[in-house]
Full PDB file with SEQRES, HELIX, SHEET, SSBOND, CRYST1, ORIGX, SCALE, CONECT and MASTER records, all heavy atoms in Angstrom:
SEQRES   1 A   37  ALA GLY ASP LEU GLY ALA VAL PRO ALA ARG MET ASP ALA          
SEQRES   2 A   37  VAL HIS GLY LEU ASP ALA GLU VAL ALA GLY PHE SER ARG          
SEQRES   3 A   37  ILE SER TYR LEU ARG ALA TRP LEU ALA GLN PRO                  
HELIX    1 AA1 MET A   11  ALA A   22  1                                  12    
HELIX    2 AA2 ILE A   27  ALA A   35  1                                   9    
CRYST1    1.000    1.000    1.000  90.00  90.00  90.00 P 1           1          
ORIGX1      1.000000  0.000000  0.000000        0.00000                         
ORIGX2      0.000000  1.000000  0.000000        0.00000                         
ORIGX3      0.000000  0.000000  1.000000        0.00000                         
SCALE1      1.000000  0.000000  0.000000        0.00000                         
SCALE2      0.000000  1.000000  0.000000        0.00000                         
SCALE3      0.000000  0.000000  1.000000        0.00000                         
ATOM      1  N   ALA A   1     -18.911 -41.446 -14.061  1.00  0.00           N  
ATOM      2  CA  ALA A   1     -19.035 -42.488 -13.045  1.00  0.00           C  
ATOM      3  C   ALA A   1     -17.697 -42.698 -12.361  1.00  0.00           C  
ATOM      4  O   ALA A   1     -16.644 -42.707 -13.013  1.00  0.00           O  
ATOM      5  CB  ALA A   1     -19.498 -43.796 -13.686  1.00  0.00           C  
ATOM      6  N   GLY A   2     -17.731 -42.864 -11.048  1.00  0.00           N  
ATOM      7  CA  GLY A   2     -16.521 -43.160 -10.307  1.00  0.00           C  
ATOM      8  C   GLY A   2     -16.201 -44.645 -10.352  1.00  0.00           C  
ATOM      9  O   GLY A   2     -16.986 -45.457 -10.852  1.00  0.00           O  
ATOM     10  N   ASP A   3     -15.058 -45.010  -9.829  1.00  0.00           N  
ATOM     11  CA  ASP A   3     -14.662 -46.415  -9.754  1.00  0.00           C  
ATOM     12  C   ASP A   3     -15.267 -47.004  -8.492  1.00  0.00           C  
ATOM     13  O   ASP A   3     -14.774 -46.793  -7.382  1.00  0.00           O  
ATOM     14  CB  ASP A   3     -13.145 -46.540  -9.736  1.00  0.00           C  
ATOM     15  CG  ASP A   3     -12.693 -47.998  -9.725  1.00  0.00           C  
ATOM     16  OD1 ASP A   3     -13.566 -48.876  -9.865  1.00  0.00           O  
ATOM     17  OD2 ASP A   3     -11.489 -48.246  -9.534  1.00  0.00           O  
ATOM     18  N   LEU A   4     -16.357 -47.755  -8.644  1.00  0.00           N  
ATOM     19  CA  LEU A   4     -17.060 -48.271  -7.488  1.00  0.00           C  
ATOM     20  C   LEU A   4     -16.767 -49.740  -7.220  1.00  0.00           C  
ATOM     21  O   LEU A   4     -17.328 -50.331  -6.288  1.00  0.00           O  
ATOM     22  CB  LEU A   4     -18.570 -48.076  -7.648  1.00  0.00           C  
ATOM     23  CG  LEU A   4     -19.312 -48.917  -8.706  1.00  0.00           C  
ATOM     24  CD1 LEU A   4     -20.814 -48.820  -8.460  1.00  0.00           C  
ATOM     25  CD2 LEU A   4     -19.031 -48.449 -10.104  1.00  0.00           C  
ATOM     26  N   GLY A   5     -15.923 -50.350  -8.027  1.00  0.00           N  
ATOM     27  CA  GLY A   5     -15.589 -51.746  -7.794  1.00  0.00           C  
ATOM     28  C   GLY A   5     -16.696 -52.700  -8.170  1.00  0.00           C  
ATOM     29  O   GLY A   5     -16.776 -53.818  -7.636  1.00  0.00           O  
ATOM     30  N   ALA A   6     -17.557 -52.296  -9.103  1.00  0.00           N  
ATOM     31  CA  ALA A   6     -18.651 -53.166  -9.523  1.00  0.00           C  
ATOM     32  C   ALA A   6     -18.121 -54.259 -10.439  1.00  0.00           C  
ATOM     33  O   ALA A   6     -17.131 -54.077 -11.151  1.00  0.00           O  
ATOM     34  CB  ALA A   6     -19.728 -52.366 -10.229  1.00  0.00           C  
ATOM     35  N   VAL A   7     -18.818 -55.385 -10.423  1.00  0.00           N  
ATOM     36  CA  VAL A   7     -18.461 -56.528 -11.270  1.00  0.00           C  
ATOM     37  C   VAL A   7     -19.721 -57.018 -11.968  1.00  0.00           C  
ATOM     38  O   VAL A   7     -20.845 -56.678 -11.568  1.00  0.00           O  
ATOM     39  CB  VAL A   7     -17.846 -57.670 -10.425  1.00  0.00           C  
ATOM     40  CG1 VAL A   7     -16.528 -57.222  -9.798  1.00  0.00           C  
ATOM     41  CG2 VAL A   7     -18.818 -58.142  -9.352  1.00  0.00           C  
ATOM     42  N   PRO A   8     -19.575 -57.798 -13.057  1.00  0.00           N  
ATOM     43  CA  PRO A   8     -20.770 -58.317 -13.729  1.00  0.00           C  
ATOM     44  C   PRO A   8     -21.674 -59.085 -12.762  1.00  0.00           C  
ATOM     45  O   PRO A   8     -21.199 -59.862 -11.937  1.00  0.00           O  
ATOM     46  CB  PRO A   8     -20.187 -59.229 -14.811  1.00  0.00           C  
ATOM     47  CG  PRO A   8     -18.852 -58.641 -15.102  1.00  0.00           C  
ATOM     48  CD  PRO A   8     -18.334 -58.151 -13.784  1.00  0.00           C  
ATOM     49  N   ALA A   9     -22.977 -58.845 -12.875  1.00  0.00           N  
ATOM     50  CA  ALA A   9     -23.930 -59.476 -11.962  1.00  0.00           C  
ATOM     51  C   ALA A   9     -24.011 -60.980 -12.212  1.00  0.00           C  
ATOM     52  O   ALA A   9     -23.981 -61.427 -13.351  1.00  0.00           O  
ATOM     53  CB  ALA A   9     -25.307 -58.840 -12.120  1.00  0.00           C  
ATOM     54  N   ARG A  10     -24.123 -61.735 -11.125  1.00  0.00           N  
ATOM     55  CA  ARG A  10     -24.273 -63.193 -11.195  1.00  0.00           C  
ATOM     56  C   ARG A  10     -25.579 -63.592 -10.521  1.00  0.00           C  
ATOM     57  O   ARG A  10     -25.963 -63.029  -9.490  1.00  0.00           O  
ATOM     58  CB  ARG A  10     -23.125 -63.915 -10.498  1.00  0.00           C  
ATOM     59  CG  ARG A  10     -21.741 -63.612 -10.998  1.00  0.00           C  
ATOM     60  CD  ARG A  10     -20.726 -64.596 -10.381  1.00  0.00           C  
ATOM     61  NE  ARG A  10     -20.991 -64.865  -8.963  1.00  0.00           N  
ATOM     62  CZ  ARG A  10     -20.494 -64.140  -7.962  1.00  0.00           C  
ATOM     63  NH1 ARG A  10     -19.729 -63.086  -8.221  1.00  0.00           N  
ATOM     64  NH2 ARG A  10     -20.779 -64.456  -6.709  1.00  0.00           N  
ATOM     65  N   MET A  11     -26.218 -64.585 -11.093  1.00  0.00           N  
ATOM     66  CA  MET A  11     -27.487 -65.074 -10.581  1.00  0.00           C  
ATOM     67  C   MET A  11     -27.391 -65.474  -9.111  1.00  0.00           C  
ATOM     68  O   MET A  11     -28.240 -65.104  -8.290  1.00  0.00           O  
ATOM     69  CB  MET A  11     -27.948 -66.262 -11.433  1.00  0.00           C  
ATOM     70  CG  MET A  11     -29.180 -66.971 -10.927  1.00  0.00           C  
ATOM     71  SD  MET A  11     -30.668 -65.982 -11.164  1.00  0.00           S  
ATOM     72  CE  MET A  11     -31.895 -67.099 -10.482  1.00  0.00           C  
ATOM     73  N   ASP A  12     -26.360 -66.220  -8.747  1.00  0.00           N  
ATOM     74  CA  ASP A  12     -26.257 -66.713  -7.378  1.00  0.00           C  
ATOM     75  C   ASP A  12     -26.088 -65.582  -6.375  1.00  0.00           C  
ATOM     76  O   ASP A  12     -26.484 -65.700  -5.212  1.00  0.00           O  
ATOM     77  CB  ASP A  12     -25.090 -67.700  -7.251  1.00  0.00           C  
ATOM     78  CG  ASP A  12     -23.745 -67.028  -7.518  1.00  0.00           C  
ATOM     79  OD1 ASP A  12     -23.527 -66.573  -8.648  1.00  0.00           O  
ATOM     80  OD2 ASP A  12     -22.918 -66.964  -6.588  1.00  0.00           O  
ATOM     81  N   ALA A  13     -25.491 -64.457  -6.825  1.00  0.00           N  
ATOM     82  CA  ALA A  13     -25.248 -63.338  -5.918  1.00  0.00           C  
ATOM     83  C   ALA A  13     -26.451 -62.418  -5.787  1.00  0.00           C  
ATOM     84  O   ALA A  13     -26.750 -61.915  -4.702  1.00  0.00           O  
ATOM     85  CB  ALA A  13     -24.031 -62.548  -6.392  1.00  0.00           C  
ATOM     86  N   VAL A  14     -27.166 -62.154  -6.889  1.00  0.00           N  
ATOM     87  CA  VAL A  14     -28.238 -61.154  -6.860  1.00  0.00           C  
ATOM     88  C   VAL A  14     -29.587 -61.740  -6.453  1.00  0.00           C  
ATOM     89  O   VAL A  14     -30.494 -60.995  -6.070  1.00  0.00           O  
ATOM     90  CB  VAL A  14     -28.385 -60.431  -8.219  1.00  0.00           C  
ATOM     91  CG1 VAL A  14     -27.063 -59.830  -8.652  1.00  0.00           C  
ATOM     92  CG2 VAL A  14     -28.926 -61.355  -9.298  1.00  0.00           C  
ATOM     93  N   HIS A  15     -29.734 -63.066  -6.518  1.00  0.00           N  
ATOM     94  CA  HIS A  15     -31.049 -63.657  -6.274  1.00  0.00           C  
ATOM     95  C   HIS A  15     -31.603 -63.322  -4.895  1.00  0.00           C  
ATOM     96  O   HIS A  15     -32.778 -62.974  -4.748  1.00  0.00           O  
ATOM     97  CB  HIS A  15     -31.001 -65.174  -6.461  1.00  0.00           C  
ATOM     98  CG  HIS A  15     -32.266 -65.857  -6.034  1.00  0.00           C  
ATOM     99  ND1 HIS A  15     -32.354 -66.635  -4.907  1.00  0.00           N  
ATOM    100  CD2 HIS A  15     -33.518 -65.826  -6.558  1.00  0.00           C  
ATOM    101  CE1 HIS A  15     -33.594 -67.073  -4.774  1.00  0.00           C  
ATOM    102  NE2 HIS A  15     -34.306 -66.601  -5.757  1.00  0.00           N  
ATOM    103  N   GLY A  16     -30.781 -63.407  -3.871  1.00  0.00           N  
ATOM    104  CA  GLY A  16     -31.277 -63.135  -2.519  1.00  0.00           C  
ATOM    105  C   GLY A  16     -31.770 -61.718  -2.350  1.00  0.00           C  
ATOM    106  O   GLY A  16     -32.844 -61.485  -1.784  1.00  0.00           O  
ATOM    107  N   LEU A  17     -30.987 -60.749  -2.838  1.00  0.00           N  
ATOM    108  CA  LEU A  17     -31.394 -59.355  -2.728  1.00  0.00           C  
ATOM    109  C   LEU A  17     -32.642 -59.088  -3.552  1.00  0.00           C  
ATOM    110  O   LEU A  17     -33.550 -58.366  -3.116  1.00  0.00           O  
ATOM    111  CB  LEU A  17     -30.246 -58.443  -3.177  1.00  0.00           C  
ATOM    112  CG  LEU A  17     -30.513 -56.939  -3.141  1.00  0.00           C  
ATOM    113  CD1 LEU A  17     -30.894 -56.471  -1.743  1.00  0.00           C  
ATOM    114  CD2 LEU A  17     -29.295 -56.165  -3.657  1.00  0.00           C  
ATOM    115  N   ASP A  18     -32.720 -59.665  -4.749  1.00  0.00           N  
ATOM    116  CA  ASP A  18     -33.903 -59.469  -5.580  1.00  0.00           C  
ATOM    117  C   ASP A  18     -35.154 -59.992  -4.889  1.00  0.00           C  
ATOM    118  O   ASP A  18     -36.202 -59.348  -4.913  1.00  0.00           O  
ATOM    119  CB  ASP A  18     -33.723 -60.172  -6.926  1.00  0.00           C  
ATOM    120  CG  ASP A  18     -34.919 -59.979  -7.839  1.00  0.00           C  
ATOM    121  OD1 ASP A  18     -35.087 -58.864  -8.365  1.00  0.00           O  
ATOM    122  OD2 ASP A  18     -35.698 -60.937  -8.010  1.00  0.00           O  
ATOM    123  N   ALA A  19     -35.049 -61.162  -4.258  1.00  0.00           N  
ATOM    124  CA  ALA A  19     -36.206 -61.732  -3.561  1.00  0.00           C  
ATOM    125  C   ALA A  19     -36.631 -60.856  -2.388  1.00  0.00           C  
ATOM    126  O   ALA A  19     -37.833 -60.677  -2.130  1.00  0.00           O  
ATOM    127  CB  ALA A  19     -35.879 -63.146  -3.089  1.00  0.00           C  
ATOM    128  N   GLU A  20     -35.681 -60.292  -1.675  1.00  0.00           N  
ATOM    129  CA  GLU A  20     -36.005 -59.401  -0.558  1.00  0.00           C  
ATOM    130  C   GLU A  20     -36.752 -58.162  -1.051  1.00  0.00           C  
ATOM    131  O   GLU A  20     -37.731 -57.721  -0.433  1.00  0.00           O  
ATOM    132  CB  GLU A  20     -34.727 -58.974   0.160  1.00  0.00           C  
ATOM    133  CG  GLU A  20     -34.025 -60.072   0.936  1.00  0.00           C  
ATOM    134  CD  GLU A  20     -32.714 -59.574   1.529  1.00  0.00           C  
ATOM    135  OE1 GLU A  20     -32.495 -58.329   1.525  1.00  0.00           O  
ATOM    136  OE2 GLU A  20     -31.921 -60.412   1.977  1.00  0.00           O  
ATOM    137  N   VAL A  21     -36.296 -57.593  -2.148  1.00  0.00           N  
ATOM    138  CA  VAL A  21     -36.875 -56.343  -2.647  1.00  0.00           C  
ATOM    139  C   VAL A  21     -38.204 -56.590  -3.351  1.00  0.00           C  
ATOM    140  O   VAL A  21     -39.170 -55.835  -3.168  1.00  0.00           O  
ATOM    141  CB  VAL A  21     -35.872 -55.636  -3.579  1.00  0.00           C  
ATOM    142  CG1 VAL A  21     -36.520 -54.437  -4.257  1.00  0.00           C  
ATOM    143  CG2 VAL A  21     -34.649 -55.197  -2.793  1.00  0.00           C  
ATOM    144  N   ALA A  22     -38.287 -57.654  -4.158  1.00  0.00           N  
ATOM    145  CA  ALA A  22     -39.532 -57.952  -4.877  1.00  0.00           C  
ATOM    146  C   ALA A  22     -40.608 -58.496  -3.947  1.00  0.00           C  
ATOM    147  O   ALA A  22     -41.800 -58.352  -4.216  1.00  0.00           O  
ATOM    148  CB  ALA A  22     -39.263 -58.954  -5.996  1.00  0.00           C  
ATOM    149  N   GLY A  23     -40.208 -59.150  -2.877  1.00  0.00           N  
ATOM    150  CA  GLY A  23     -41.176 -59.744  -1.948  1.00  0.00           C  
ATOM    151  C   GLY A  23     -41.439 -61.204  -2.210  1.00  0.00           C  
ATOM    152  O   GLY A  23     -42.254 -61.820  -1.529  1.00  0.00           O  
ATOM    153  N   PHE A  24     -40.745 -61.800  -3.186  1.00  0.00           N  
ATOM    154  CA  PHE A  24     -40.884 -63.219  -3.497  1.00  0.00           C  
ATOM    155  C   PHE A  24     -39.724 -63.618  -4.401  1.00  0.00           C  
ATOM    156  O   PHE A  24     -39.040 -62.766  -4.978  1.00  0.00           O  
ATOM    157  CB  PHE A  24     -42.223 -63.527  -4.183  1.00  0.00           C  
ATOM    158  CG  PHE A  24     -42.402 -62.843  -5.505  1.00  0.00           C  
ATOM    159  CD1 PHE A  24     -42.123 -63.500  -6.696  1.00  0.00           C  
ATOM    160  CD2 PHE A  24     -42.848 -61.526  -5.572  1.00  0.00           C  
ATOM    161  CE1 PHE A  24     -42.266 -62.859  -7.913  1.00  0.00           C  
ATOM    162  CE2 PHE A  24     -43.000 -60.880  -6.790  1.00  0.00           C  
ATOM    163  CZ  PHE A  24     -42.709 -61.552  -7.967  1.00  0.00           C  
ATOM    164  N   SER A  25     -39.497 -64.912  -4.531  1.00  0.00           N  
ATOM    165  CA  SER A  25     -38.421 -65.420  -5.374  1.00  0.00           C  
ATOM    166  C   SER A  25     -38.930 -65.640  -6.794  1.00  0.00           C  
ATOM    167  O   SER A  25     -39.981 -66.241  -6.998  1.00  0.00           O  
ATOM    168  CB  SER A  25     -37.899 -66.749  -4.800  1.00  0.00           C  
ATOM    169  OG  SER A  25     -36.929 -67.311  -5.644  1.00  0.00           O  
ATOM    170  N   ARG A  26     -38.165 -65.170  -7.786  1.00  0.00           N  
ATOM    171  CA  ARG A  26     -38.576 -65.281  -9.196  1.00  0.00           C  
ATOM    172  C   ARG A  26     -37.376 -65.743 -10.044  1.00  0.00           C  
ATOM    173  O   ARG A  26     -36.843 -65.003 -10.863  1.00  0.00           O  
ATOM    174  CB  ARG A  26     -39.132 -63.949  -9.699  1.00  0.00           C  
ATOM    175  CG  ARG A  26     -38.273 -62.739  -9.353  1.00  0.00           C  
ATOM    176  CD  ARG A  26     -38.930 -61.465  -9.813  1.00  0.00           C  
ATOM    177  NE  ARG A  26     -38.107 -60.286  -9.536  1.00  0.00           N  
ATOM    178  CZ  ARG A  26     -38.414 -59.056  -9.915  1.00  0.00           C  
ATOM    179  NH1 ARG A  26     -39.524 -58.825 -10.577  1.00  0.00           N  
ATOM    180  NH2 ARG A  26     -37.617 -58.033  -9.624  1.00  0.00           N  
ATOM    181  N   ILE A  27     -36.994 -66.976  -9.837  1.00  0.00           N  
ATOM    182  CA  ILE A  27     -35.734 -67.483 -10.376  1.00  0.00           C  
ATOM    183  C   ILE A  27     -35.715 -67.505 -11.897  1.00  0.00           C  
ATOM    184  O   ILE A  27     -34.751 -67.051 -12.524  1.00  0.00           O  
ATOM    185  CB  ILE A  27     -35.449 -68.892  -9.810  1.00  0.00           C  
ATOM    186  CG1 ILE A  27     -35.166 -68.787  -8.301  1.00  0.00           C  
ATOM    187  CG2 ILE A  27     -34.258 -69.524 -10.516  1.00  0.00           C  
ATOM    188  CD1 ILE A  27     -34.996 -70.124  -7.620  1.00  0.00           C  
ATOM    189  N   SER A  28     -36.765 -68.048 -12.536  1.00  0.00           N  
ATOM    190  CA  SER A  28     -36.730 -68.185 -13.991  1.00  0.00           C  
ATOM    191  C   SER A  28     -36.695 -66.818 -14.666  1.00  0.00           C  
ATOM    192  O   SER A  28     -35.989 -66.623 -15.671  1.00  0.00           O  
ATOM    193  CB  SER A  28     -37.936 -68.990 -14.490  1.00  0.00           C  
ATOM    194  OG  SER A  28     -39.151 -68.334 -14.166  1.00  0.00           O  
ATOM    195  N   TYR A  29     -37.446 -65.862 -14.153  1.00  0.00           N  
ATOM    196  CA  TYR A  29     -37.452 -64.516 -14.714  1.00  0.00           C  
ATOM    197  C   TYR A  29     -36.086 -63.868 -14.544  1.00  0.00           C  
ATOM    198  O   TYR A  29     -35.531 -63.273 -15.473  1.00  0.00           O  
ATOM    199  CB  TYR A  29     -38.541 -63.703 -14.021  1.00  0.00           C  
ATOM    200  CG  TYR A  29     -38.733 -62.297 -14.542  1.00  0.00           C  
ATOM    201  CD1 TYR A  29     -38.349 -61.922 -15.822  1.00  0.00           C  
ATOM    202  CD2 TYR A  29     -39.331 -61.331 -13.734  1.00  0.00           C  
ATOM    203  CE1 TYR A  29     -38.541 -60.632 -16.291  1.00  0.00           C  
ATOM    204  CE2 TYR A  29     -39.537 -60.036 -14.190  1.00  0.00           C  
ATOM    205  CZ  TYR A  29     -39.134 -59.694 -15.466  1.00  0.00           C  
ATOM    206  OH  TYR A  29     -39.320 -58.422 -15.921  1.00  0.00           O  
ATOM    207  N   LEU A  30     -35.518 -64.006 -13.355  1.00  0.00           N  
ATOM    208  CA  LEU A  30     -34.225 -63.400 -13.072  1.00  0.00           C  
ATOM    209  C   LEU A  30     -33.138 -64.003 -13.964  1.00  0.00           C  
ATOM    210  O   LEU A  30     -32.291 -63.274 -14.516  1.00  0.00           O  
ATOM    211  CB  LEU A  30     -33.885 -63.618 -11.604  1.00  0.00           C  
ATOM    212  CG  LEU A  30     -32.797 -62.754 -10.981  1.00  0.00           C  
ATOM    213  CD1 LEU A  30     -33.144 -61.287 -11.097  1.00  0.00           C  
ATOM    214  CD2 LEU A  30     -32.596 -63.150  -9.525  1.00  0.00           C  
ATOM    215  N   ARG A  31     -33.168 -65.311 -14.135  1.00  0.00           N  
ATOM    216  CA  ARG A  31     -32.165 -65.980 -14.972  1.00  0.00           C  
ATOM    217  C   ARG A  31     -32.269 -65.482 -16.424  1.00  0.00           C  
ATOM    218  O   ARG A  31     -31.257 -65.188 -17.056  1.00  0.00           O  
ATOM    219  CB  ARG A  31     -32.357 -67.492 -14.907  1.00  0.00           C  
ATOM    220  CG  ARG A  31     -31.300 -68.268 -15.688  1.00  0.00           C  
ATOM    221  CD  ARG A  31     -31.504 -69.765 -15.557  1.00  0.00           C  
ATOM    222  NE  ARG A  31     -31.259 -70.228 -14.200  1.00  0.00           N  
ATOM    223  CZ  ARG A  31     -32.178 -70.746 -13.389  1.00  0.00           C  
ATOM    224  NH1 ARG A  31     -33.438 -70.853 -13.798  1.00  0.00           N  
ATOM    225  NH2 ARG A  31     -31.861 -71.148 -12.183  1.00  0.00           N  
ATOM    226  N   ALA A  32     -33.481 -65.354 -16.940  1.00  0.00           N  
ATOM    227  CA  ALA A  32     -33.661 -64.871 -18.303  1.00  0.00           C  
ATOM    228  C   ALA A  32     -33.220 -63.420 -18.432  1.00  0.00           C  
ATOM    229  O   ALA A  32     -32.616 -63.026 -19.446  1.00  0.00           O  
ATOM    230  CB  ALA A  32     -35.123 -65.023 -18.726  1.00  0.00           C  
ATOM    231  N   TRP A  33     -33.500 -62.617 -17.430  1.00  0.00           N  
ATOM    232  CA  TRP A  33     -33.153 -61.195 -17.487  1.00  0.00           C  
ATOM    233  C   TRP A  33     -31.637 -61.005 -17.536  1.00  0.00           C  
ATOM    234  O   TRP A  33     -31.128 -60.174 -18.290  1.00  0.00           O  
ATOM    235  CB  TRP A  33     -33.747 -60.468 -16.284  1.00  0.00           C  
ATOM    236  CG  TRP A  33     -33.868 -58.992 -16.500  1.00  0.00           C  
ATOM    237  CD1 TRP A  33     -33.099 -58.014 -15.947  1.00  0.00           C  
ATOM    238  CD2 TRP A  33     -34.808 -58.316 -17.335  1.00  0.00           C  
ATOM    239  NE1 TRP A  33     -33.498 -56.771 -16.383  1.00  0.00           N  
ATOM    240  CE2 TRP A  33     -34.559 -56.938 -17.233  1.00  0.00           C  
ATOM    241  CE3 TRP A  33     -35.852 -58.766 -18.157  1.00  0.00           C  
ATOM    242  CZ2 TRP A  33     -35.300 -55.991 -17.929  1.00  0.00           C  
ATOM    243  CZ3 TRP A  33     -36.598 -57.814 -18.838  1.00  0.00           C  
ATOM    244  CH2 TRP A  33     -36.316 -56.444 -18.718  1.00  0.00           C  
ATOM    245  N   LEU A  34     -30.919 -61.790 -16.748  1.00  0.00           N  
ATOM    246  CA  LEU A  34     -29.467 -61.658 -16.715  1.00  0.00           C  
ATOM    247  C   LEU A  34     -28.800 -62.228 -17.958  1.00  0.00           C  
ATOM    248  O   LEU A  34     -27.657 -61.872 -18.277  1.00  0.00           O  
ATOM    249  CB  LEU A  34     -28.912 -62.348 -15.466  1.00  0.00           C  
ATOM    250  CG  LEU A  34     -29.157 -61.621 -14.142  1.00  0.00           C  
ATOM    251  CD1 LEU A  34     -28.770 -62.501 -12.959  1.00  0.00           C  
ATOM    252  CD2 LEU A  34     -28.400 -60.303 -14.090  1.00  0.00           C  
ATOM    253  N   ALA A  35     -29.502 -63.112 -18.671  1.00  0.00           N  
ATOM    254  CA  ALA A  35     -28.919 -63.764 -19.843  1.00  0.00           C  
ATOM    255  C   ALA A  35     -29.231 -63.053 -21.151  1.00  0.00           C  
ATOM    256  O   ALA A  35     -28.747 -63.477 -22.204  1.00  0.00           O  
ATOM    257  CB  ALA A  35     -29.418 -65.210 -19.924  1.00  0.00           C  
ATOM    258  N   GLN A  36     -30.011 -61.972 -21.143  1.00  0.00           N  
ATOM    259  CA  GLN A  36     -30.440 -61.361 -22.397  1.00  0.00           C  
ATOM    260  C   GLN A  36     -29.243 -60.787 -23.167  1.00  0.00           C  
ATOM    261  O   GLN A  36     -28.323 -60.218 -22.573  1.00  0.00           O  
ATOM    262  CB  GLN A  36     -31.497 -60.288 -22.154  1.00  0.00           C  
ATOM    263  CG  GLN A  36     -31.083 -59.147 -21.255  1.00  0.00           C  
ATOM    264  CD  GLN A  36     -32.237 -58.218 -20.957  1.00  0.00           C  
ATOM    265  OE1 GLN A  36     -32.892 -57.717 -21.854  1.00  0.00           O  
ATOM    266  NE2 GLN A  36     -32.515 -58.002 -19.677  1.00  0.00           N  
ATOM    267  N   PRO A  37     -29.242 -60.936 -24.473  1.00  0.00           N  
ATOM    268  CA  PRO A  37     -28.113 -60.472 -25.291  1.00  0.00           C  
ATOM    269  C   PRO A  37     -27.952 -58.954 -25.238  1.00  0.00           C  
ATOM    270  O   PRO A  37     -28.925 -58.212 -25.092  1.00  0.00           O  
ATOM    271  CB  PRO A  37     -28.502 -60.920 -26.710  1.00  0.00           C  
ATOM    272  CG  PRO A  37     -29.524 -61.993 -26.519  1.00  0.00           C  
ATOM    273  CD  PRO A  37     -30.265 -61.629 -25.273  1.00  0.00           C  
TER     274      PRO A  37                                                      
MASTER        0    0    0    2    0    0    0    6  273    1    0    3          
END                                                                             
């Protein structure tokens, strides 16, 4: 993998893109997915 400047995903940053791609907003699912151990 190259150095792409990626950083740990944050809920506030990814939510908008996720909603655009999924076709709807799914906040509780997204929050749980990002918090999994």
